[in-house]
Amino acid sequence: MRVDRSLVGTVVIALVVSTLVTLFIVGEKGGPYLLVKNEYRGGEKGRFIIGQTLLAKEAIASLELSYFCLVNRTELIGGVNRSGSPQDVCARIPSLRSYLDISEAGFRAPGVSHFQVQLPVWIDRDRLVRKEFDLYLYDFSRLVWQAVPSELMHSLKRPTFGRGHLWDYYNVFACLFDEKGNLSCFYEGVADFYTGKVISIEELTVQRNEEKSVYYGAAEDAENAGNVLSMLNAPDRGIAHFEELRRNDRVTVLFSIDSSKLPSIDGNWAVPIYRIVHIAAISVDGAEVEFIANMANPPKPAA
């Protein structure tokens, strides 16, 4: 199998919502909740707004919104052997393979999700078309939280380990295969609200009806301000959990990103926002029922 070079540098997903943002939703329709709002848009002063609002159509015992933020790293898979099943191919990608080895040594197995998405691809400077792909999402975040002491993961001193806080280390991977079964795109990222969340997220709101919790980034400033929740206190692994929802209850997760503080890749250059795919997985009573994936459109190819 060969890499489709036209896909290198593109990012996931499907329907054009505006001139900037694309969206793809896959999952159950007519379920126990209604997706009222999906936001992924630019704001004032370089800010970017991300979030979802859901309305319970009936009583729900447990509902979770789990977030994943991944960066396009297709350049890392040029030498990967593409023979065999998609799972075989994914397992040969070095960064993913290293986590599989740790898992097989006695730690938690990854969470693996498989769903179809559509990817916008520039055919030429004037035509943006949608191609369908199978996406395999490998989530090793539980493995990391099992291996690292809780007091270190929640440290207000944000210990530095090369890239930053342990939260900032990539432990989620997405492999995209085209209609012929070829591995075409590869993403690395985190199971969290956003990569580098303490620095990149300015404000996070988790709300049920009128009750809400607001968390602020830049943990040191939040701590000094007093009586303010820090991003270090935000729900672990980017999972907002709601219990015993009643009919017509409304839940919202909404946050703003400072696009000037997006993380760098290997410390060399900042990640353009169009290389980031942001995924929200919605689970009802422990079962995943829907995925919402957002991105900023990739730029037109050079003339």
Protein backbone atom coordinates (compact mmCIF):
# COMPACT_ATOMS: atom_id res chain seq x y z
CA MET A 1 0.00 0.00 0.00
CA ARG A 2 1.16 3.56 -0.69
CA VAL A 3 0.56 6.85 1.07
CA ASP A 4 -1.72 9.15 -0.92
CA ARG A 5 0.57 12.18 -1.03
CA SER A 6 -2.32 14.50 -1.81
CA LEU A 7 -3.60 13.85 1.70
CA VAL A 8 -0.42 14.80 3.56
CA GLY A 9 -1.06 17.90 5.63
CA THR A 10 -4.85 17.63 5.47
CA VAL A 11 -7.06 17.12 8.46
CA VAL A 12 -10.15 15.03 9.10
CA ILE A 13 -13.76 15.44 8.39
CA ALA A 14 -16.74 16.44 6.21
CA LEU A 15 -19.53 18.94 5.78
CA VAL A 16 -18.62 22.55 5.14
CA VAL A 17 -20.26 24.57 7.91
CA SER A 18 -18.61 27.87 7.00
CA THR A 19 -15.72 29.06 4.91
CA LEU A 20 -13.39 28.18 7.77
CA VAL A 21 -14.63 25.11 9.58
CA THR A 22 -15.61 21.59 8.61
CA LEU A 23 -17.60 19.13 10.67
CA PHE A 24 -18.40 15.44 10.63
CA ILE A 25 -20.83 13.68 12.95
CA VAL A 26 -21.20 9.91 13.01
CA GLY A 27 -23.43 7.89 15.30
CA GLU A 28 -26.98 7.19 16.34
CA LYS A 29 -29.75 9.51 15.23
CA GLY A 30 -33.00 9.84 17.17
CA GLY A 31 -31.31 8.73 20.41
CA PRO A 32 -32.00 9.89 23.98
CA TYR A 33 -30.44 13.35 23.46
CA LEU A 34 -30.37 16.10 20.85
CA LEU A 35 -27.22 17.91 19.75
CA VAL A 36 -28.45 21.49 20.09
CA LYS A 37 -25.22 23.29 19.26
CA ASN A 38 -21.75 22.43 18.00
CA GLU A 39 -19.26 25.31 18.05
CA TYR A 40 -15.85 25.41 16.42
CA ARG A 41 -15.18 28.95 15.30
CA GLY A 42 -12.89 31.91 15.50
CA GLY A 43 -13.52 34.59 18.11
CA GLU A 44 -12.14 38.01 18.91
CA LYS A 45 -8.46 38.77 19.44
CA GLY A 46 -7.15 35.47 18.09
CA ARG A 47 -9.43 33.34 20.24
CA PHE A 48 -11.03 30.08 19.08
CA ILE A 49 -14.31 28.82 20.56
CA ILE A 50 -15.05 25.09 20.92
CA GLY A 51 -18.00 23.35 22.53
CA GLN A 52 -21.22 21.38 22.42
CA THR A 53 -24.67 21.67 23.98
CA LEU A 54 -26.91 18.61 24.37
CA LEU A 55 -30.58 18.39 25.35
CA ALA A 56 -31.90 15.26 27.07
CA LYS A 57 -34.97 13.97 25.22
CA GLU A 58 -35.66 11.47 27.99
CA ALA A 59 -34.21 10.47 31.35
CA ILE A 60 -30.54 9.43 31.04
CA ALA A 61 -28.72 7.70 33.90
CA SER A 62 -25.22 8.62 32.68
CA LEU A 63 -23.93 10.81 29.86
CA GLU A 64 -20.30 11.61 29.07
CA LEU A 65 -18.61 14.00 26.69
CA SER A 66 -15.02 12.83 26.14
CA TYR A 67 -12.58 14.99 24.20
CA PHE A 68 -9.57 14.24 22.01
CA CYS A 69 -7.24 16.78 20.42
CA LEU A 70 -4.88 15.43 17.75
CA VAL A 71 -2.26 16.89 15.41
CA ASN A 72 -1.62 15.72 11.85
CA ARG A 73 1.71 13.84 11.80
CA THR A 74 1.36 12.01 8.48
CA GLU A 75 5.01 12.76 7.76
CA LEU A 76 5.96 10.12 10.36
CA ILE A 77 4.52 7.10 8.53
CA GLY A 78 6.49 7.16 5.27
CA GLY A 79 8.43 3.98 6.03
CA VAL A 80 5.63 1.95 7.63
CA ASN A 81 4.87 -1.48 6.13
CA ARG A 82 1.28 -1.28 4.92
CA SER A 83 0.54 -4.98 4.41
CA GLY A 84 -2.08 -6.79 6.47
CA SER A 85 -5.18 -5.59 8.31
CA PRO A 86 -5.64 -1.97 9.45
CA GLN A 87 -4.87 -3.07 13.01
CA ASP A 88 -1.63 -4.70 11.83
CA VAL A 89 -0.60 -1.55 9.98
CA CYS A 90 -1.41 0.73 12.92
CA ALA A 91 0.63 -1.48 15.24
CA ARG A 92 3.76 -0.87 13.12
CA ILE A 93 3.73 2.91 13.57
CA PRO A 94 6.63 3.50 16.02
CA SER A 95 4.97 5.94 18.42
CA LEU A 96 1.82 3.83 18.64
CA ARG A 97 3.83 0.62 18.87
CA SER A 98 5.72 1.87 21.92
CA TYR A 99 2.46 2.29 23.84
CA LEU A 100 1.21 -1.12 22.71
CA ASP A 101 4.40 -2.65 24.10
CA ILE A 102 3.81 -0.97 27.47
CA SER A 103 0.21 -2.13 27.48
CA GLU A 104 1.19 -5.70 26.68
CA ALA A 105 3.72 -5.62 29.54
CA GLY A 106 0.87 -5.57 32.05
CA PHE A 107 -0.69 -2.11 31.92
CA ARG A 108 -4.16 -1.20 30.67
CA ALA A 109 -5.14 -2.07 27.13
CA PRO A 110 -5.98 0.94 24.95
CA GLY A 111 -9.49 2.01 24.20
CA VAL A 112 -10.00 1.43 20.47
CA SER A 113 -12.80 3.04 18.48
CA HIS A 114 -13.49 2.54 14.77
CA PHE A 115 -15.79 4.79 12.78
CA GLN A 116 -16.06 6.31 9.32
CA VAL A 117 -15.37 9.94 8.52
CA GLN A 118 -15.14 12.04 5.40
CA LEU A 119 -12.01 14.03 4.65
CA PRO A 120 -11.96 17.22 2.58
CA VAL A 121 -9.23 16.97 -0.05
CA TRP A 122 -8.19 19.66 -2.50
CA ILE A 123 -8.22 18.14 -6.01
CA ASP A 124 -6.90 21.44 -7.36
CA ARG A 125 -7.03 25.10 -6.28
CA ASP A 126 -10.75 25.34 -7.05
CA ARG A 127 -12.17 21.98 -5.98
CA LEU A 128 -12.50 20.69 -2.44
CA VAL A 129 -14.05 17.21 -2.43
CA ARG A 130 -14.99 14.77 0.32
CA LYS A 131 -13.44 11.32 0.54
CA GLU A 132 -14.52 8.63 2.97
CA PHE A 133 -12.04 7.05 5.38
CA ASP A 134 -12.07 4.51 8.17
CA LEU A 135 -10.68 6.05 11.35
CA TYR A 136 -9.10 3.88 14.06
CA LEU A 137 -8.69 5.79 17.33
CA TYR A 138 -6.28 4.35 19.93
CA ASP A 139 -6.62 5.88 23.41
CA PHE A 140 -3.81 5.05 25.87
CA SER A 141 -4.69 7.78 28.38
CA ARG A 142 -5.91 5.31 31.02
CA LEU A 143 -2.54 3.58 30.79
CA VAL A 144 -0.74 6.86 31.56
CA TRP A 145 -3.00 7.67 34.49
CA GLN A 146 -2.47 4.15 35.84
CA ALA A 147 1.32 4.47 35.63
CA VAL A 148 1.76 7.98 37.10
CA PRO A 149 0.95 8.87 40.74
CA SER A 150 -2.15 11.05 41.10
CA GLU A 151 -0.32 13.73 43.09
CA LEU A 152 2.09 14.21 40.19
CA MET A 153 -0.64 14.40 37.56
CA HIS A 154 -2.41 17.10 39.61
CA SER A 155 0.70 19.01 40.68
CA LEU A 156 0.25 22.78 40.73
CA LYS A 157 3.97 23.08 40.00
CA ARG A 158 3.42 21.55 36.56
CA PRO A 159 6.62 19.48 36.46
CA THR A 160 8.45 19.68 33.16
CA PHE A 161 9.31 16.56 31.18
CA GLY A 162 10.64 17.81 27.85
CA ARG A 163 7.35 18.78 26.20
CA GLY A 164 5.72 20.04 29.40
CA HIS A 165 3.27 18.56 31.87
CA LEU A 166 2.63 14.83 31.61
CA TRP A 167 -0.82 15.69 30.30
CA ASP A 168 0.86 17.21 27.25
CA TYR A 169 2.47 13.96 26.13
CA TYR A 170 0.76 12.41 23.14
CA ASN A 171 -1.04 9.23 24.18
CA VAL A 172 -3.85 9.06 21.62
CA PHE A 173 -3.41 8.11 17.96
CA ALA A 174 -5.68 8.10 14.91
CA CYS A 175 -5.01 6.14 11.72
CA LEU A 176 -7.07 6.90 8.61
CA PHE A 177 -7.50 4.38 5.79
CA ASP A 178 -8.96 5.19 2.37
CA GLU A 179 -11.55 3.18 0.41
CA LYS A 180 -8.82 0.85 -0.88
CA GLY A 181 -7.54 0.11 2.61
CA ASN A 182 -4.42 2.27 2.29
CA LEU A 183 -3.08 4.07 5.35
CA SER A 184 -3.36 7.70 4.28
CA CYS A 185 -3.18 9.95 7.37
CA PHE A 186 -1.87 9.70 10.90
CA TYR A 187 -2.57 11.86 13.96
CA GLU A 188 -1.07 12.08 17.46
CA GLY A 189 -2.57 13.87 20.42
CA VAL A 190 -4.13 13.77 23.85
CA ALA A 191 -7.31 12.54 25.50
CA ASP A 192 -8.17 15.90 26.99
CA PHE A 193 -10.05 19.09 26.29
CA TYR A 194 -7.07 20.40 24.33
CA THR A 195 -3.37 19.80 23.95
CA GLY A 196 -1.28 21.92 26.32
CA LYS A 197 -4.55 22.77 28.06
CA VAL A 198 -3.17 24.73 31.02
CA ILE A 199 -1.58 27.22 28.62
CA SER A 200 -3.79 27.02 25.54
CA ILE A 201 -7.24 27.06 27.22
CA GLU A 202 -8.22 30.42 28.66
CA GLU A 203 -11.59 29.42 30.09
CA LEU A 204 -13.55 26.15 30.30
CA THR A 205 -17.22 25.95 31.31
CA VAL A 206 -18.98 22.69 32.24
CA GLN A 207 -22.68 23.37 32.75
CA ARG A 208 -25.94 21.55 33.53
CA ASN A 209 -28.96 23.81 33.23
CA GLU A 210 -28.11 26.83 35.41
CA GLU A 211 -25.39 25.12 37.44
CA LYS A 212 -21.89 25.49 36.07
CA SER A 213 -18.21 25.20 36.93
CA VAL A 214 -15.70 27.51 35.25
CA TYR A 215 -11.99 26.67 35.05
CA TYR A 216 -9.23 29.06 34.04
CA GLY A 217 -5.91 28.43 32.32
CA ALA A 218 -2.44 29.61 33.33
CA ALA A 219 -2.61 27.66 36.60
CA GLU A 220 -0.17 29.88 38.46
CA ASP A 221 -2.30 32.98 37.84
CA ALA A 222 -5.49 31.17 38.77
CA GLU A 223 -3.95 29.96 42.01
CA ASN A 224 -2.81 33.45 42.97
CA ALA A 225 -6.20 34.97 42.16
CA GLY A 226 -7.86 33.01 44.96
CA ASN A 227 -11.25 31.29 44.95
CA VAL A 228 -10.80 30.41 41.26
CA LEU A 229 -10.82 26.96 39.69
CA SER A 230 -7.71 26.13 37.68
CA MET A 231 -7.51 23.97 34.56
CA LEU A 232 -5.50 21.62 36.78
CA ASN A 233 -8.78 20.99 38.63
CA ALA A 234 -10.78 20.35 35.45
CA PRO A 235 -12.25 16.87 34.87
CA ASP A 236 -9.49 14.32 34.29
CA ARG A 237 -8.71 13.18 30.73
CA GLY A 238 -11.15 15.66 29.23
CA ILE A 239 -14.25 13.75 30.34
CA ALA A 240 -17.31 15.75 31.39
CA HIS A 241 -19.67 13.40 33.23
CA PHE A 242 -23.34 14.04 33.92
CA GLU A 243 -25.61 11.75 35.97
CA GLU A 244 -29.35 11.31 36.38
CA LEU A 245 -30.35 13.71 33.63
CA ARG A 246 -34.05 14.45 33.41
CA ARG A 247 -36.04 15.10 30.27
CA ASN A 248 -35.26 18.59 28.91
CA ASP A 249 -32.07 18.94 30.97
CA ARG A 250 -29.45 20.83 28.98
CA VAL A 251 -25.69 20.24 29.32
CA THR A 252 -22.88 22.32 27.84
CA VAL A 253 -19.12 22.05 27.58
CA LEU A 254 -17.59 25.23 26.15
CA PHE A 255 -14.04 26.55 26.10
CA SER A 256 -11.94 29.23 24.45
CA ILE A 257 -8.45 28.71 23.04
CA ASP A 258 -5.73 31.32 22.72
CA SER A 259 -4.49 30.49 19.21
CA SER A 260 -1.23 32.32 19.87
CA LYS A 261 -0.38 29.68 22.50
CA LEU A 262 -0.90 26.53 20.48
CA PRO A 263 1.79 23.92 21.17
CA SER A 264 4.82 23.31 19.01
CA ILE A 265 5.83 20.06 17.34
CA ASP A 266 9.21 18.86 18.62
CA GLY A 267 9.80 22.38 19.91
CA ASN A 268 10.47 23.72 16.42
CA TRP A 269 7.29 25.42 15.23
CA ALA A 270 3.77 26.11 16.42
CA VAL A 271 0.98 23.88 15.17
CA PRO A 272 -1.27 25.64 12.62
CA ILE A 273 -4.85 25.21 13.80
CA TYR A 274 -5.83 23.57 10.49
CA ARG A 275 -3.54 20.63 11.36
CA ILE A 276 -5.57 19.92 14.49
CA VAL A 277 -8.61 17.65 14.58
CA HIS A 278 -10.83 17.94 17.64
CA ILE A 279 -13.11 15.01 18.50
CA ALA A 280 -15.94 14.77 21.03
CA ALA A 281 -17.17 11.26 21.85
CA ILE A 282 -20.64 11.08 23.38
CA SER A 283 -21.41 8.07 25.58
CA VAL A 284 -24.75 7.13 27.13
CA ASP A 285 -24.75 4.64 30.01
CA GLY A 286 -21.15 3.66 29.20
CA ALA A 287 -21.65 2.99 25.48
CA GLU A 288 -20.26 5.30 22.79
CA VAL A 289 -23.07 6.43 20.52
CA GLU A 290 -21.73 9.38 18.57
CA PHE A 291 -18.53 11.12 17.49
CA ILE A 292 -18.29 14.81 16.60
CA ALA A 293 -15.11 15.85 14.81
CA ASN A 294 -14.22 19.47 14.03
CA MET A 295 -11.38 21.14 12.17
CA ALA A 296 -10.40 24.33 10.43
CA ASN A 297 -10.23 23.86 6.66
CA PRO A 298 -6.75 23.23 5.24
CA PRO A 299 -5.43 26.02 3.00
CA LYS A 300 -5.64 25.80 -0.75
CA PRO A 301 -2.63 24.17 -2.42
CA ALA A 302 0.01 26.48 -3.83
CA ALA A 303 -0.40 27.55 -7.44
